[in-house]
Amino acid sequence: MEVLLRGGPGDGQVVSGGGGTVVWRACLYEFTPEFARRSGRDLRVCRHRADCCEPYGRGAEDPCE
C-alpha cells in the first residue's frame, strides 16, 4: 500500500508502507484515519511523530534527519 507522509522532513513523499507506522529515513510516521487525493489516487495519510528522534539520543527540540 502506498501512503502520503505529512509533516517532518518527509512531508509530501509517497512511500510504500503497512501496519501502524512507516519509517522514512530516520523519521517515524503513524497512520491516521485521513485520506488525501494525489495523482488521481486516494492515499492514506501518515503523520510525523514529533518525538521520533528521542530514542536516537536527540531531544524533542532537535530536528529529524
N, C-alpha and C. Protein backbone atom coordinates (compact mmCIF):
# COMPACT_ATOMS: atom_id res chain seq x y z
N MET A 1 0.84 -1.17 0.00
CA MET A 1 0.00 0.00 0.00
C MET A 1 0.89 1.23 0.00
N GLU A 2 0.51 2.22 -0.80
CA GLU A 2 1.24 3.48 -0.80
C GLU A 2 0.54 4.48 0.12
N VAL A 3 1.36 5.26 0.84
CA VAL A 3 0.83 6.24 1.79
C VAL A 3 1.48 7.60 1.52
N LEU A 4 0.82 8.66 1.98
CA LEU A 4 1.32 10.02 1.86
C LEU A 4 1.81 10.49 3.21
N LEU A 5 3.05 10.98 3.27
CA LEU A 5 3.62 11.47 4.52
C LEU A 5 3.29 12.93 4.71
N ARG A 6 2.92 13.29 5.94
CA ARG A 6 2.60 14.68 6.29
C ARG A 6 3.46 15.09 7.48
N GLY A 7 4.05 16.28 7.38
CA GLY A 7 4.87 16.82 8.45
C GLY A 7 6.28 16.26 8.42
N GLY A 8 7.18 16.88 9.17
CA GLY A 8 8.56 16.42 9.23
C GLY A 8 9.28 16.57 7.89
N PRO A 9 10.47 16.03 7.80
CA PRO A 9 11.26 16.19 6.58
C PRO A 9 10.72 15.41 5.38
N GLY A 10 9.85 14.43 5.60
CA GLY A 10 9.30 13.65 4.50
C GLY A 10 7.98 14.17 3.97
N ASP A 11 7.59 15.36 4.39
CA ASP A 11 6.29 15.91 4.02
C ASP A 11 6.07 15.88 2.51
N GLY A 12 4.97 15.26 2.09
CA GLY A 12 4.61 15.21 0.69
C GLY A 12 5.12 13.98 -0.06
N GLN A 13 5.98 13.18 0.58
CA GLN A 13 6.51 11.97 -0.05
C GLN A 13 5.43 10.90 -0.12
N VAL A 14 5.42 10.13 -1.19
CA VAL A 14 4.56 8.96 -1.30
C VAL A 14 5.46 7.74 -1.20
N VAL A 15 5.21 6.89 -0.20
CA VAL A 15 6.04 5.72 0.05
C VAL A 15 5.18 4.49 0.26
N SER A 16 5.79 3.33 0.17
CA SER A 16 5.09 2.08 0.48
C SER A 16 5.15 1.86 1.98
N GLY A 17 4.05 1.36 2.53
CA GLY A 17 4.02 1.09 3.96
C GLY A 17 2.83 0.24 4.33
N GLY A 18 2.89 -0.28 5.52
CA GLY A 18 1.81 -1.09 6.05
C GLY A 18 1.93 -1.17 7.55
N GLY A 19 0.96 -1.78 8.19
CA GLY A 19 0.98 -1.84 9.64
C GLY A 19 0.53 -0.53 10.24
N GLY A 20 1.02 -0.19 11.40
CA GLY A 20 0.60 1.03 12.09
C GLY A 20 1.54 2.20 11.93
N THR A 21 2.78 1.93 11.48
CA THR A 21 3.76 3.00 11.34
C THR A 21 4.58 2.82 10.06
N VAL A 22 5.21 3.91 9.64
CA VAL A 22 6.11 3.90 8.49
C VAL A 22 7.39 4.61 8.92
N VAL A 23 8.54 4.06 8.55
CA VAL A 23 9.81 4.72 8.81
C VAL A 23 10.33 5.26 7.49
N TRP A 24 10.63 6.55 7.47
CA TRP A 24 11.20 7.19 6.29
C TRP A 24 12.48 7.86 6.74
N ARG A 25 13.61 7.40 6.19
CA ARG A 25 14.95 7.83 6.65
C ARG A 25 15.01 7.59 8.15
N ALA A 26 15.24 8.61 8.97
CA ALA A 26 15.33 8.41 10.41
C ALA A 26 14.05 8.81 11.13
N CYS A 27 12.96 9.02 10.39
CA CYS A 27 11.74 9.54 10.99
C CYS A 27 10.61 8.52 11.03
N LEU A 28 9.82 8.61 12.07
CA LEU A 28 8.70 7.71 12.29
C LEU A 28 7.40 8.45 11.97
N TYR A 29 6.56 7.80 11.19
CA TYR A 29 5.24 8.33 10.81
C TYR A 29 4.18 7.34 11.22
N GLU A 30 3.05 7.83 11.74
CA GLU A 30 1.95 6.97 12.17
C GLU A 30 0.75 7.14 11.26
N PHE A 31 0.05 6.03 11.02
CA PHE A 31 -1.16 6.06 10.20
C PHE A 31 -2.23 6.89 10.89
N THR A 32 -3.01 7.60 10.10
CA THR A 32 -4.15 8.36 10.60
C THR A 32 -5.39 7.85 9.87
N PRO A 33 -6.57 8.25 10.30
CA PRO A 33 -7.79 7.86 9.57
C PRO A 33 -8.01 8.71 8.32
N GLU A 34 -7.13 9.68 8.06
CA GLU A 34 -7.28 10.59 6.93
C GLU A 34 -6.85 9.97 5.60
N PHE A 35 -7.44 10.47 4.52
CA PHE A 35 -7.04 10.11 3.16
C PHE A 35 -6.83 11.42 2.40
N ALA A 36 -5.91 11.41 1.44
CA ALA A 36 -5.65 12.58 0.61
C ALA A 36 -5.60 12.13 -0.84
N ARG A 37 -6.06 12.99 -1.72
CA ARG A 37 -6.06 12.68 -3.15
C ARG A 37 -4.74 13.14 -3.76
N ARG A 38 -4.05 12.24 -4.44
CA ARG A 38 -2.76 12.56 -5.06
C ARG A 38 -2.66 11.83 -6.38
N SER A 39 -2.46 12.54 -7.46
CA SER A 39 -2.31 11.96 -8.80
C SER A 39 -3.47 11.03 -9.15
N GLY A 40 -4.68 11.44 -8.79
CA GLY A 40 -5.86 10.66 -9.11
C GLY A 40 -6.10 9.46 -8.21
N ARG A 41 -5.34 9.34 -7.14
CA ARG A 41 -5.50 8.21 -6.21
C ARG A 41 -5.78 8.73 -4.81
N ASP A 42 -6.54 7.96 -4.05
CA ASP A 42 -6.76 8.27 -2.64
C ASP A 42 -5.70 7.52 -1.84
N LEU A 43 -4.88 8.27 -1.10
CA LEU A 43 -3.80 7.68 -0.32
C LEU A 43 -4.05 7.89 1.16
N ARG A 44 -3.71 6.89 1.95
CA ARG A 44 -3.79 7.01 3.40
C ARG A 44 -2.72 7.99 3.86
N VAL A 45 -3.02 8.82 4.83
CA VAL A 45 -2.09 9.82 5.34
C VAL A 45 -1.40 9.30 6.60
N CYS A 46 -0.08 9.46 6.65
CA CYS A 46 0.72 9.14 7.83
C CYS A 46 1.32 10.44 8.35
N ARG A 47 1.15 10.71 9.63
CA ARG A 47 1.66 11.95 10.25
C ARG A 47 2.98 11.69 10.97
N HIS A 48 3.86 12.67 10.87
CA HIS A 48 5.17 12.62 11.53
C HIS A 48 5.00 12.66 13.05
N ARG A 49 5.73 11.80 13.73
CA ARG A 49 5.73 11.84 15.19
C ARG A 49 6.81 12.79 15.65
N ALA A 50 6.43 13.78 16.41
CA ALA A 50 7.37 14.80 16.87
C ALA A 50 8.44 14.21 17.79
N ASP A 51 8.13 13.13 18.47
CA ASP A 51 9.09 12.54 19.40
C ASP A 51 9.93 11.42 18.77
N CYS A 52 9.90 11.29 17.46
CA CYS A 52 10.55 10.14 16.82
C CYS A 52 12.06 10.14 16.97
N CYS A 53 12.69 11.28 17.22
CA CYS A 53 14.15 11.32 17.34
C CYS A 53 14.65 11.04 18.75
N GLU A 54 13.78 11.12 19.74
CA GLU A 54 14.22 10.94 21.12
C GLU A 54 14.89 9.59 21.38
N PRO A 55 14.41 8.46 20.81
CA PRO A 55 15.09 7.19 21.05
C PRO A 55 16.49 7.13 20.46
N TYR A 56 16.84 8.06 19.59
CA TYR A 56 18.16 8.07 18.96
C TYR A 56 19.12 9.01 19.65
N GLY A 57 18.82 9.41 20.89
CA GLY A 57 19.73 10.24 21.66
C GLY A 57 19.60 11.72 21.39
N ARG A 58 18.59 12.15 20.67
CA ARG A 58 18.36 13.56 20.42
C ARG A 58 17.09 13.96 21.15
N GLY A 59 17.04 15.19 21.57
CA GLY A 59 15.86 15.66 22.28
C GLY A 59 14.75 16.04 21.33
N ALA A 60 13.58 16.29 21.88
CA ALA A 60 12.41 16.65 21.08
C ALA A 60 12.63 17.95 20.33
N GLU A 61 13.53 18.82 20.85
CA GLU A 61 13.76 20.09 20.19
C GLU A 61 14.69 19.97 18.97
N ASP A 62 15.39 18.84 18.85
CA ASP A 62 16.28 18.63 17.71
C ASP A 62 15.50 18.14 16.52
N PRO A 63 15.79 18.64 15.33
CA PRO A 63 15.07 18.20 14.14
C PRO A 63 15.49 16.80 13.71
N CYS A 64 14.62 16.14 13.00
CA CYS A 64 14.95 14.83 12.43
C CYS A 64 15.89 15.02 11.26
N GLU A 65 16.52 13.94 10.86
CA GLU A 65 17.43 13.99 9.71
C GLU A 65 16.65 13.89 8.43
